[in-house]
Amino acid sequence: MTRKLFCEISPLTYKISYEAHILKRKMADSWKTNLASKKSEDKLPYLVFSHQSLMRRGLRKVPVPVEEAKVANLHIAVPKVDRILIRPGETFSFWNLVGRCTEKNGYQMGLMVANDGQLKKGTGGGLCQFSNLIHWMVLHTSLDVVEKYHHEQIDMFPDSNREVPFGSGTSIVYNYLDYRFKNNTTTTYQLVTYVGDTYLHGQIYASEPQKDTYEVENVGERFIKENGQIYRCGKIYQYHYDENGDIVEEKLIKTNHARVSYDTSNLEVIQK
């Protein structure tokens, strides 16, 4: 019989292990990582990229109260990141700025994705939409993503008002799974984020013009039937161009092979 890990013995030992992990990471950050923490109410002069994300998609699997809870959670978390400066050499940490999502802090039970890819409700659920927005903007800058996690390879919802490639999102769990990027340039960047009536809004500004440009595309996306199961497949690339429009780098950032969990009768499916 395989011996259980300490965290697997009981709910109490799991809680102890979880809290120990949080403390360990906080200590490591204080010693080793130069985390971005300074804000400026004044926007930096050059807009690099902007994006907005629809908060209420009206998906059948998502009850209205849960979606409204997500919006309420965004109203709490988004201002904690708004106007943050990421200076040269600094690292942006989503959880370092947002902090722990608790009922005491006003967070509600929103939708979350469990480790097995199934939907569940949890306090602070829905904040991955915020980290998704930030990540999508960062992919269009010279900033370097240094920590990012994906949800399990499951396509849970049919496309509805989708504006970014499937599979380009993030998975976050305080503070075990963080979203981080580092500024390895000589330019200071700034995130501006706010919640509107319909959309979650984000902008990235810089102290100097960003001469290079970036594009992100989903290449070869298709639905394939394998052993009786349908998968959503494709590859996401980031294209880096210099100021003359010449390509500098073509980077594969994600390969999708996600099991589809909704009705596919209206999709074109390839038999493998």
C-alpha atoms as a PDB file:
ATOM      1  CA  MET A   1       0.000   0.000   0.000  1.00  0.00           C
ATOM      2  CA  THR A   2       1.308   3.422  -0.957  1.00  0.00           C
ATOM      3  CA  ARG A   3       1.917   5.622   2.049  1.00  0.00           C
ATOM      4  CA  LYS A   4      -0.278   8.722   2.132  1.00  0.00           C
ATOM      5  CA  LEU A   5       1.260  12.151   1.932  1.00  0.00           C
ATOM      6  CA  PHE A   6       0.792  14.336   5.011  1.00  0.00           C
ATOM      7  CA  CYS A   7      -1.710  16.516   3.148  1.00  0.00           C
ATOM      8  CA  GLU A   8      -3.786  13.428   2.280  1.00  0.00           C
ATOM      9  CA  ILE A   9      -4.309  12.146   5.820  1.00  0.00           C
ATOM     10  CA  SER A  10      -7.239  14.378   6.738  1.00  0.00           C
ATOM     11  CA  PRO A  11      -8.865  17.747   5.974  1.00  0.00           C
ATOM     12  CA  LEU A  12      -6.868  19.220   8.852  1.00  0.00           C
ATOM     13  CA  THR A  13      -3.505  18.052   7.501  1.00  0.00           C
ATOM     14  CA  TYR A  14      -4.492  19.318   4.066  1.00  0.00           C
ATOM     15  CA  LYS A  15      -5.239  22.734   5.581  1.00  0.00           C
ATOM     16  CA  ILE A  16      -1.919  22.733   7.435  1.00  0.00           C
ATOM     17  CA  SER A  17      -0.025  21.816   4.246  1.00  0.00           C
ATOM     18  CA  TYR A  18      -1.873  24.461   2.233  1.00  0.00           C
ATOM     19  CA  GLU A  19      -1.152  27.224   4.747  1.00  0.00           C
ATOM     20  CA  ALA A  20       2.489  26.131   4.979  1.00  0.00           C
ATOM     21  CA  HIS A  21       2.788  26.377   1.204  1.00  0.00           C
ATOM     22  CA  ILE A  22       1.332  29.905   1.237  1.00  0.00           C
ATOM     23  CA  LEU A  23       3.763  30.987   3.964  1.00  0.00           C
ATOM     24  CA  LYS A  24       6.719  29.399   2.188  1.00  0.00           C
ATOM     25  CA  ARG A  25       5.923  31.225  -1.033  1.00  0.00           C
ATOM     26  CA  LYS A  26       5.470  34.555   0.720  1.00  0.00           C
ATOM     27  CA  MET A  27       8.848  34.138   2.399  1.00  0.00           C
ATOM     28  CA  ALA A  28      10.534  33.192  -0.882  1.00  0.00           C
ATOM     29  CA  ASP A  29       9.047  36.256  -2.562  1.00  0.00           C
ATOM     30  CA  SER A  30      10.279  38.536   0.195  1.00  0.00           C
ATOM     31  CA  TRP A  31      13.811  37.182  -0.182  1.00  0.00           C
ATOM     32  CA  LYS A  32      14.200  36.552  -3.888  1.00  0.00           C
ATOM     33  CA  THR A  33      11.585  38.280  -6.021  1.00  0.00           C
ATOM     34  CA  ASN A  34      11.292  41.978  -6.772  1.00  0.00           C
ATOM     35  CA  LEU A  35       7.500  42.194  -6.978  1.00  0.00           C
ATOM     36  CA  ALA A  36       5.705  45.183  -8.466  1.00  0.00           C
ATOM     37  CA  SER A  37       3.894  47.111  -5.732  1.00  0.00           C
ATOM     38  CA  LYS A  38       3.967  50.820  -6.605  1.00  0.00           C
ATOM     39  CA  LYS A  39       1.007  52.530  -8.243  1.00  0.00           C
ATOM     40  CA  SER A  40       0.610  55.856  -9.997  1.00  0.00           C
ATOM     41  CA  GLU A  41      -2.720  57.599 -10.480  1.00  0.00           C
ATOM     42  CA  ASP A  42      -1.278  59.271 -13.569  1.00  0.00           C
ATOM     43  CA  LYS A  43      -1.257  57.085 -16.656  1.00  0.00           C
ATOM     44  CA  LEU A  44       2.042  56.590 -18.439  1.00  0.00           C
ATOM     45  CA  PRO A  45       2.138  58.464 -21.772  1.00  0.00           C
ATOM     46  CA  TYR A  46       2.037  55.651 -24.345  1.00  0.00           C
ATOM     47  CA  LEU A  47      -0.855  53.213 -24.799  1.00  0.00           C
ATOM     48  CA  VAL A  48       0.531  49.841 -25.896  1.00  0.00           C
ATOM     49  CA  PHE A  49      -2.560  47.636 -25.961  1.00  0.00           C
ATOM     50  CA  SER A  50      -6.138  47.545 -24.718  1.00  0.00           C
ATOM     51  CA  HIS A  51      -8.841  44.906 -24.461  1.00  0.00           C
ATOM     52  CA  GLN A  52     -12.300  44.412 -23.027  1.00  0.00           C
ATOM     53  CA  SER A  53     -13.942  41.188 -21.914  1.00  0.00           C
ATOM     54  CA  LEU A  54     -17.695  40.544 -21.770  1.00  0.00           C
ATOM     55  CA  MET A  55     -18.615  39.668 -18.175  1.00  0.00           C
ATOM     56  CA  ARG A  56     -22.044  38.114 -18.702  1.00  0.00           C
ATOM     57  CA  ARG A  57     -21.950  35.621 -21.577  1.00  0.00           C
ATOM     58  CA  GLY A  58     -25.369  34.057 -20.932  1.00  0.00           C
ATOM     59  CA  LEU A  59     -24.109  30.481 -21.099  1.00  0.00           C
ATOM     60  CA  ARG A  60     -26.695  27.821 -20.276  1.00  0.00           C
ATOM     61  CA  LYS A  61     -24.375  25.986 -17.884  1.00  0.00           C
ATOM     62  CA  VAL A  62     -23.816  29.116 -15.804  1.00  0.00           C
ATOM     63  CA  PRO A  63     -26.733  30.230 -13.578  1.00  0.00           C
ATOM     64  CA  VAL A  64     -27.375  33.966 -13.452  1.00  0.00           C
ATOM     65  CA  PRO A  65     -26.690  34.271  -9.665  1.00  0.00           C
ATOM     66  CA  VAL A  66     -23.267  32.668 -10.137  1.00  0.00           C
ATOM     67  CA  GLU A  67     -22.426  35.011 -12.989  1.00  0.00           C
ATOM     68  CA  GLU A  68     -23.514  38.022 -10.945  1.00  0.00           C
ATOM     69  CA  ALA A  69     -21.327  36.778  -8.098  1.00  0.00           C
ATOM     70  CA  LYS A  70     -18.391  36.785 -10.515  1.00  0.00           C
ATOM     71  CA  VAL A  71     -19.101  40.389 -11.447  1.00  0.00           C
ATOM     72  CA  ALA A  72     -19.243  41.313  -7.752  1.00  0.00           C
ATOM     73  CA  ASN A  73     -15.895  39.579  -7.209  1.00  0.00           C
ATOM     74  CA  LEU A  74     -14.359  41.484 -10.103  1.00  0.00           C
ATOM     75  CA  HIS A  75     -15.519  44.763  -8.568  1.00  0.00           C
ATOM     76  CA  ILE A  76     -13.429  43.907  -5.491  1.00  0.00           C
ATOM     77  CA  ALA A  77     -10.307  42.518  -7.181  1.00  0.00           C
ATOM     78  CA  VAL A  78      -9.853  44.767 -10.208  1.00  0.00           C
ATOM     79  CA  PRO A  79      -9.119  48.028  -8.312  1.00  0.00           C
ATOM     80  CA  LYS A  80      -6.301  46.259  -6.448  1.00  0.00           C
ATOM     81  CA  VAL A  81      -4.402  45.913  -9.723  1.00  0.00           C
ATOM     82  CA  ASP A  82      -5.489  49.168 -11.370  1.00  0.00           C
ATOM     83  CA  ARG A  83      -2.644  51.665 -12.014  1.00  0.00           C
ATOM     84  CA  ILE A  84       0.115  49.255 -10.926  1.00  0.00           C
ATOM     85  CA  LEU A  85       3.556  50.058 -12.329  1.00  0.00           C
ATOM     86  CA  ILE A  86       5.848  47.278 -13.492  1.00  0.00           C
ATOM     87  CA  ARG A  87       9.267  48.869 -13.553  1.00  0.00           C
ATOM     88  CA  PRO A  88      12.411  47.379 -15.146  1.00  0.00           C
ATOM     89  CA  GLY A  89      13.432  44.246 -13.272  1.00  0.00           C
ATOM     90  CA  GLU A  90      10.116  43.927 -11.431  1.00  0.00           C
ATOM     91  CA  THR A  91       7.731  40.967 -11.539  1.00  0.00           C
ATOM     92  CA  PHE A  92       3.952  41.289 -11.570  1.00  0.00           C
ATOM     93  CA  SER A  93       2.167  38.795  -9.301  1.00  0.00           C
ATOM     94  CA  PHE A  94      -1.612  38.522  -9.559  1.00  0.00           C
ATOM     95  CA  TRP A  95      -2.104  37.101  -6.072  1.00  0.00           C
ATOM     96  CA  ASN A  96       0.394  39.402  -4.395  1.00  0.00           C
ATOM     97  CA  LEU A  97      -1.797  42.332  -5.437  1.00  0.00           C
ATOM     98  CA  VAL A  98      -5.277  40.803  -5.190  1.00  0.00           C
ATOM     99  CA  GLY A  99      -4.715  38.883  -1.967  1.00  0.00           C
ATOM    100  CA  ARG A 100      -6.785  36.042  -0.562  1.00  0.00           C
ATOM    101  CA  CYS A 101     -10.443  35.810  -1.588  1.00  0.00           C
ATOM    102  CA  THR A 102     -12.551  35.342   1.542  1.00  0.00           C
ATOM    103  CA  GLU A 103     -16.131  36.027   2.572  1.00  0.00           C
ATOM    104  CA  LYS A 104     -14.758  38.435   5.168  1.00  0.00           C
ATOM    105  CA  ASN A 105     -13.235  40.452   2.316  1.00  0.00           C
ATOM    106  CA  GLY A 106     -16.602  40.544   0.552  1.00  0.00           C
ATOM    107  CA  TYR A 107     -16.090  37.823  -2.049  1.00  0.00           C
ATOM    108  CA  GLN A 108     -19.049  35.733  -3.168  1.00  0.00           C
ATOM    109  CA  MET A 109     -19.478  32.156  -4.420  1.00  0.00           C
ATOM    110  CA  GLY A 110     -18.608  32.277  -8.100  1.00  0.00           C
ATOM    111  CA  LEU A 111     -17.812  29.639 -10.683  1.00  0.00           C
ATOM    112  CA  MET A 112     -14.491  27.815 -10.539  1.00  0.00           C
ATOM    113  CA  VAL A 113     -12.858  24.936 -12.411  1.00  0.00           C
ATOM    114  CA  ALA A 114     -11.747  22.028 -10.198  1.00  0.00           C
ATOM    115  CA  ASN A 115      -8.512  20.072 -10.689  1.00  0.00           C
ATOM    116  CA  ASP A 116     -10.407  17.438 -12.672  1.00  0.00           C
ATOM    117  CA  GLY A 117     -11.769  20.066 -15.043  1.00  0.00           C
ATOM    118  CA  GLN A 118     -15.280  20.023 -13.588  1.00  0.00           C
ATOM    119  CA  LEU A 119     -17.223  23.151 -12.695  1.00  0.00           C
ATOM    120  CA  LYS A 120     -17.804  24.021  -9.042  1.00  0.00           C
ATOM    121  CA  LYS A 121     -18.647  27.038  -6.911  1.00  0.00           C
ATOM    122  CA  GLY A 122     -16.099  28.686  -4.667  1.00  0.00           C
ATOM    123  CA  THR A 123     -15.439  31.937  -2.848  1.00  0.00           C
ATOM    124  CA  GLY A 124     -13.937  34.420  -5.266  1.00  0.00           C
ATOM    125  CA  GLY A 125     -14.867  32.304  -8.285  1.00  0.00           C
ATOM    126  CA  GLY A 126     -14.638  33.954 -11.678  1.00  0.00           C
ATOM    127  CA  LEU A 127     -11.411  35.882 -11.174  1.00  0.00           C
ATOM    128  CA  CYS A 128      -9.700  33.851 -13.884  1.00  0.00           C
ATOM    129  CA  GLN A 129     -11.500  36.180 -16.317  1.00  0.00           C
ATOM    130  CA  PHE A 130      -9.376  38.962 -14.844  1.00  0.00           C
ATOM    131  CA  SER A 131      -6.082  37.065 -15.133  1.00  0.00           C
ATOM    132  CA  ASN A 132      -7.128  36.014 -18.656  1.00  0.00           C
ATOM    133  CA  LEU A 133      -7.569  39.656 -19.630  1.00  0.00           C
ATOM    134  CA  ILE A 134      -4.175  40.599 -18.221  1.00  0.00           C
ATOM    135  CA  HIS A 135      -2.459  37.676 -19.948  1.00  0.00           C
ATOM    136  CA  TRP A 136      -4.005  38.501 -23.317  1.00  0.00           C
ATOM    137  CA  MET A 137      -2.701  42.062 -23.073  1.00  0.00           C
ATOM    138  CA  VAL A 138       0.757  40.969 -21.897  1.00  0.00           C
ATOM    139  CA  LEU A 139       1.060  38.699 -24.957  1.00  0.00           C
ATOM    140  CA  HIS A 140       0.999  41.885 -27.043  1.00  0.00           C
ATOM    141  CA  THR A 141       3.943  43.484 -25.244  1.00  0.00           C
ATOM    142  CA  SER A 142       7.660  42.909 -24.706  1.00  0.00           C
ATOM    143  CA  LEU A 143       6.984  41.625 -21.177  1.00  0.00           C
ATOM    144  CA  ASP A 144       7.945  38.029 -20.338  1.00  0.00           C
ATOM    145  CA  VAL A 145       5.434  35.588 -18.837  1.00  0.00           C
ATOM    146  CA  VAL A 146       7.270  33.676 -16.092  1.00  0.00           C
ATOM    147  CA  GLU A 147       4.416  31.761 -14.444  1.00  0.00           C
ATOM    148  CA  LYS A 148       1.173  30.613 -16.024  1.00  0.00           C
ATOM    149  CA  TYR A 149      -1.095  27.600 -15.639  1.00  0.00           C
ATOM    150  CA  HIS A 150      -3.797  26.210 -17.896  1.00  0.00           C
ATOM    151  CA  HIS A 151      -7.153  24.748 -17.001  1.00  0.00           C
ATOM    152  CA  GLU A 152      -7.485  21.053 -17.702  1.00  0.00           C
ATOM    153  CA  GLN A 153      -7.761  20.262 -21.395  1.00  0.00           C
ATOM    154  CA  ILE A 154     -11.562  20.380 -21.494  1.00  0.00           C
ATOM    155  CA  ASP A 155     -13.662  22.565 -23.787  1.00  0.00           C
ATOM    156  CA  MET A 156     -16.631  23.200 -21.492  1.00  0.00           C
ATOM    157  CA  PHE A 157     -18.595  25.866 -23.362  1.00  0.00           C
ATOM    158  CA  PRO A 158     -19.506  26.444 -27.014  1.00  0.00           C
ATOM    159  CA  ASP A 159     -18.178  29.677 -28.454  1.00  0.00           C
ATOM    160  CA  SER A 160     -20.379  32.608 -27.489  1.00  0.00           C
ATOM    161  CA  ASN A 161     -19.025  36.120 -28.056  1.00  0.00           C
ATOM    162  CA  ARG A 162     -15.482  34.715 -27.955  1.00  0.00           C
ATOM    163  CA  GLU A 163     -12.883  37.369 -28.752  1.00  0.00           C
ATOM    164  CA  VAL A 164      -9.633  35.538 -27.935  1.00  0.00           C
ATOM    165  CA  PRO A 165      -8.402  32.104 -29.064  1.00  0.00           C
ATOM    166  CA  PHE A 166      -9.647  29.092 -27.148  1.00  0.00           C
ATOM    167  CA  GLY A 167      -6.965  27.845 -24.769  1.00  0.00           C
ATOM    168  CA  SER A 168      -5.262  31.201 -24.278  1.00  0.00           C
ATOM    169  CA  GLY A 169      -6.631  31.634 -20.750  1.00  0.00           C
ATOM    170  CA  THR A 170      -5.121  31.082 -17.326  1.00  0.00           C
ATOM    171  CA  SER A 171      -5.804  28.994 -14.232  1.00  0.00           C
ATOM    172  CA  ILE A 172      -5.244  30.625 -10.823  1.00  0.00           C
ATOM    173  CA  VAL A 173      -5.566  29.358  -7.248  1.00  0.00           C
ATOM    174  CA  TYR A 174      -4.421  31.426  -4.271  1.00  0.00           C
ATOM    175  CA  ASN A 175      -1.472  31.474  -4.036  1.00  0.00           C
ATOM    176  CA  TYR A 176      -0.613  28.024  -5.268  1.00  0.00           C
ATOM    177  CA  LEU A 177      -1.166  28.812  -8.944  1.00  0.00           C
ATOM    178  CA  ASP A 178      -0.197  32.392  -9.711  1.00  0.00           C
ATOM    179  CA  TYR A 179      -0.026  34.435 -12.886  1.00  0.00           C
ATOM    180  CA  ARG A 180       3.245  36.330 -13.184  1.00  0.00           C
ATOM    181  CA  PHE A 181       5.182  38.260 -15.778  1.00  0.00           C
ATOM    182  CA  LYS A 182       8.519  40.040 -15.560  1.00  0.00           C
ATOM    183  CA  ASN A 183       9.695  43.302 -17.057  1.00  0.00           C
ATOM    184  CA  ASN A 184      13.093  42.527 -18.575  1.00  0.00           C
ATOM    185  CA  THR A 185      13.104  45.742 -20.611  1.00  0.00           C
ATOM    186  CA  THR A 186      14.338  49.238 -19.793  1.00  0.00           C
ATOM    187  CA  THR A 187      10.800  50.635 -20.091  1.00  0.00           C
ATOM    188  CA  THR A 188       8.267  51.016 -17.269  1.00  0.00           C
ATOM    189  CA  TYR A 189       4.836  49.529 -17.970  1.00  0.00           C
ATOM    190  CA  GLN A 190       1.503  50.192 -16.265  1.00  0.00           C
ATOM    191  CA  LEU A 191      -1.743  48.230 -16.043  1.00  0.00           C
ATOM    192  CA  VAL A 192      -5.009  50.176 -16.022  1.00  0.00           C
ATOM    193  CA  THR A 193      -8.040  48.006 -15.220  1.00  0.00           C
ATOM    194  CA  TYR A 194     -11.661  48.757 -14.415  1.00  0.00           C
ATOM    195  CA  VAL A 195     -15.139  47.204 -14.405  1.00  0.00           C
ATOM    196  CA  GLY A 196     -17.803  48.721 -16.645  1.00  0.00           C
ATOM    197  CA  ASP A 197     -21.488  47.936 -16.865  1.00  0.00           C
ATOM    198  CA  THR A 198     -21.006  45.201 -19.472  1.00  0.00           C
ATOM    199  CA  TYR A 199     -17.292  44.661 -19.929  1.00  0.00           C
ATOM    200  CA  LEU A 200     -14.152  44.168 -17.907  1.00  0.00           C
ATOM    201  CA  HIS A 201     -11.639  46.667 -19.310  1.00  0.00           C
ATOM    202  CA  GLY A 202      -7.858  46.631 -19.439  1.00  0.00           C
ATOM    203  CA  GLN A 203      -5.087  48.781 -20.882  1.00  0.00           C
ATOM    204  CA  ILE A 204      -1.309  48.614 -20.820  1.00  0.00           C
ATOM    205  CA  TYR A 205       0.666  51.846 -20.950  1.00  0.00           C
ATOM    206  CA  ALA A 206       4.413  52.422 -21.178  1.00  0.00           C
ATOM    207  CA  SER A 207       6.923  55.165 -20.386  1.00  0.00           C
ATOM    208  CA  GLU A 208       8.386  54.856 -23.897  1.00  0.00           C
ATOM    209  CA  PRO A 209       6.845  53.829 -27.226  1.00  0.00           C
ATOM    210  CA  GLN A 210       6.949  50.077 -27.808  1.00  0.00           C
ATOM    211  CA  LYS A 211       8.503  49.844 -31.251  1.00  0.00           C
ATOM    212  CA  ASP A 212       7.996  46.125 -31.726  1.00  0.00           C
ATOM    213  CA  THR A 213       4.512  44.676 -32.189  1.00  0.00           C
ATOM    214  CA  TYR A 214       2.961  41.309 -31.357  1.00  0.00           C
ATOM    215  CA  GLU A 215       0.091  39.260 -32.739  1.00  0.00           C
ATOM    216  CA  VAL A 216      -1.477  36.087 -31.343  1.00  0.00           C
ATOM    217  CA  GLU A 217      -3.328  33.615 -33.548  1.00  0.00           C
ATOM    218  CA  ASN A 218      -4.960  30.199 -33.301  1.00  0.00           C
ATOM    219  CA  VAL A 219      -3.614  28.105 -36.176  1.00  0.00           C
ATOM    220  CA  GLY A 220      -5.238  24.994 -37.577  1.00  0.00           C
ATOM    221  CA  GLU A 221      -8.132  24.832 -35.137  1.00  0.00           C
ATOM    222  CA  ARG A 222     -10.445  21.892 -35.826  1.00  0.00           C
ATOM    223  CA  PHE A 223     -12.675  19.378 -34.072  1.00  0.00           C
ATOM    224  CA  ILE A 224     -11.483  15.780 -34.306  1.00  0.00           C
ATOM    225  CA  LYS A 225     -13.238  12.577 -33.248  1.00  0.00           C
ATOM    226  CA  GLU A 226     -10.863  10.115 -31.622  1.00  0.00           C
ATOM    227  CA  ASN A 227     -12.049   6.799 -30.146  1.00  0.00           C
ATOM    228  CA  GLY A 228     -15.604   8.059 -29.903  1.00  0.00           C
ATOM    229  CA  GLN A 229     -14.661  11.339 -28.189  1.00  0.00           C
ATOM    230  CA  ILE A 230     -14.498  14.770 -29.845  1.00  0.00           C
ATOM    231  CA  TYR A 231     -11.509  17.024 -29.199  1.00  0.00           C
ATOM    232  CA  ARG A 232     -10.839  20.660 -30.020  1.00  0.00           C
ATOM    233  CA  CYS A 233      -7.354  20.864 -31.496  1.00  0.00           C
ATOM    234  CA  GLY A 234      -5.090  23.629 -32.678  1.00  0.00           C
ATOM    235  CA  LYS A 235      -1.964  25.619 -31.900  1.00  0.00           C
ATOM    236  CA  ILE A 236      -1.638  29.159 -30.571  1.00  0.00           C
ATOM    237  CA  TYR A 237       1.304  31.185 -31.839  1.00  0.00           C
ATOM    238  CA  GLN A 238       2.702  34.546 -30.831  1.00  0.00           C
ATOM    239  CA  TYR A 239       4.275  36.510 -33.709  1.00  0.00           C
ATOM    240  CA  HIS A 240       6.857  39.170 -32.878  1.00  0.00           C
ATOM    241  CA  TYR A 241       7.559  41.918 -35.452  1.00  0.00           C
ATOM    242  CA  ASP A 242      10.172  44.666 -35.378  1.00  0.00           C
ATOM    243  CA  GLU A 243       9.458  48.323 -36.103  1.00  0.00           C
ATOM    244  CA  ASN A 244       9.861  47.679 -39.844  1.00  0.00           C
ATOM    245  CA  GLY A 245       7.202  44.978 -39.817  1.00  0.00           C
ATOM    246  CA  ASP A 246       9.715  42.146 -40.262  1.00  0.00           C
ATOM    247  CA  ILE A 247       9.110  39.031 -38.196  1.00  0.00           C
ATOM    248  CA  VAL A 248      11.575  38.532 -35.355  1.00  0.00           C
ATOM    249  CA  GLU A 249      10.186  35.402 -33.745  1.00  0.00           C
ATOM    250  CA  GLU A 250       7.365  32.908 -34.140  1.00  0.00           C
ATOM    251  CA  LYS A 251       6.667  31.283 -30.767  1.00  0.00           C
ATOM    252  CA  LEU A 252       4.358  28.347 -30.067  1.00  0.00           C
ATOM    253  CA  ILE A 253       2.672  29.200 -26.767  1.00  0.00           C
ATOM    254  CA  LYS A 254      -0.006  26.501 -26.494  1.00  0.00           C
ATOM    255  CA  THR A 255      -1.082  23.265 -28.165  1.00  0.00           C
ATOM    256  CA  ASN A 256      -4.756  22.444 -27.683  1.00  0.00           C
ATOM    257  CA  HIS A 257      -6.156  18.930 -27.456  1.00  0.00           C
ATOM    258  CA  ALA A 258      -9.244  19.566 -25.350  1.00  0.00           C
ATOM    259  CA  ARG A 259     -12.086  17.126 -24.788  1.00  0.00           C
ATOM    260  CA  VAL A 260     -15.378  18.735 -25.823  1.00  0.00           C
ATOM    261  CA  SER A 261     -18.109  18.455 -23.169  1.00  0.00           C
ATOM    262  CA  TYR A 262     -21.064  20.047 -25.004  1.00  0.00           C
ATOM    263  CA  ASP A 263     -23.311  19.178 -27.938  1.00  0.00           C
ATOM    264  CA  THR A 264     -21.270  19.127 -31.150  1.00  0.00           C
ATOM    265  CA  SER A 265     -24.066  18.242 -33.595  1.00  0.00           C
ATOM    266  CA  ASN A 266     -23.780  21.623 -35.316  1.00  0.00           C
ATOM    267  CA  LEU A 267     -19.977  21.472 -35.667  1.00  0.00           C
ATOM    268  CA  GLU A 268     -17.855  20.137 -38.522  1.00  0.00           C
ATOM    269  CA  VAL A 269     -16.027  17.176 -37.014  1.00  0.00           C
ATOM    270  CA  ILE A 270     -13.129  15.333 -38.617  1.00  0.00           C
ATOM    271  CA  GLN A 271     -13.037  11.542 -38.183  1.00  0.00           C
ATOM    272  CA  LYS A 272      -9.545  10.443 -37.227  1.00  0.00           C
END
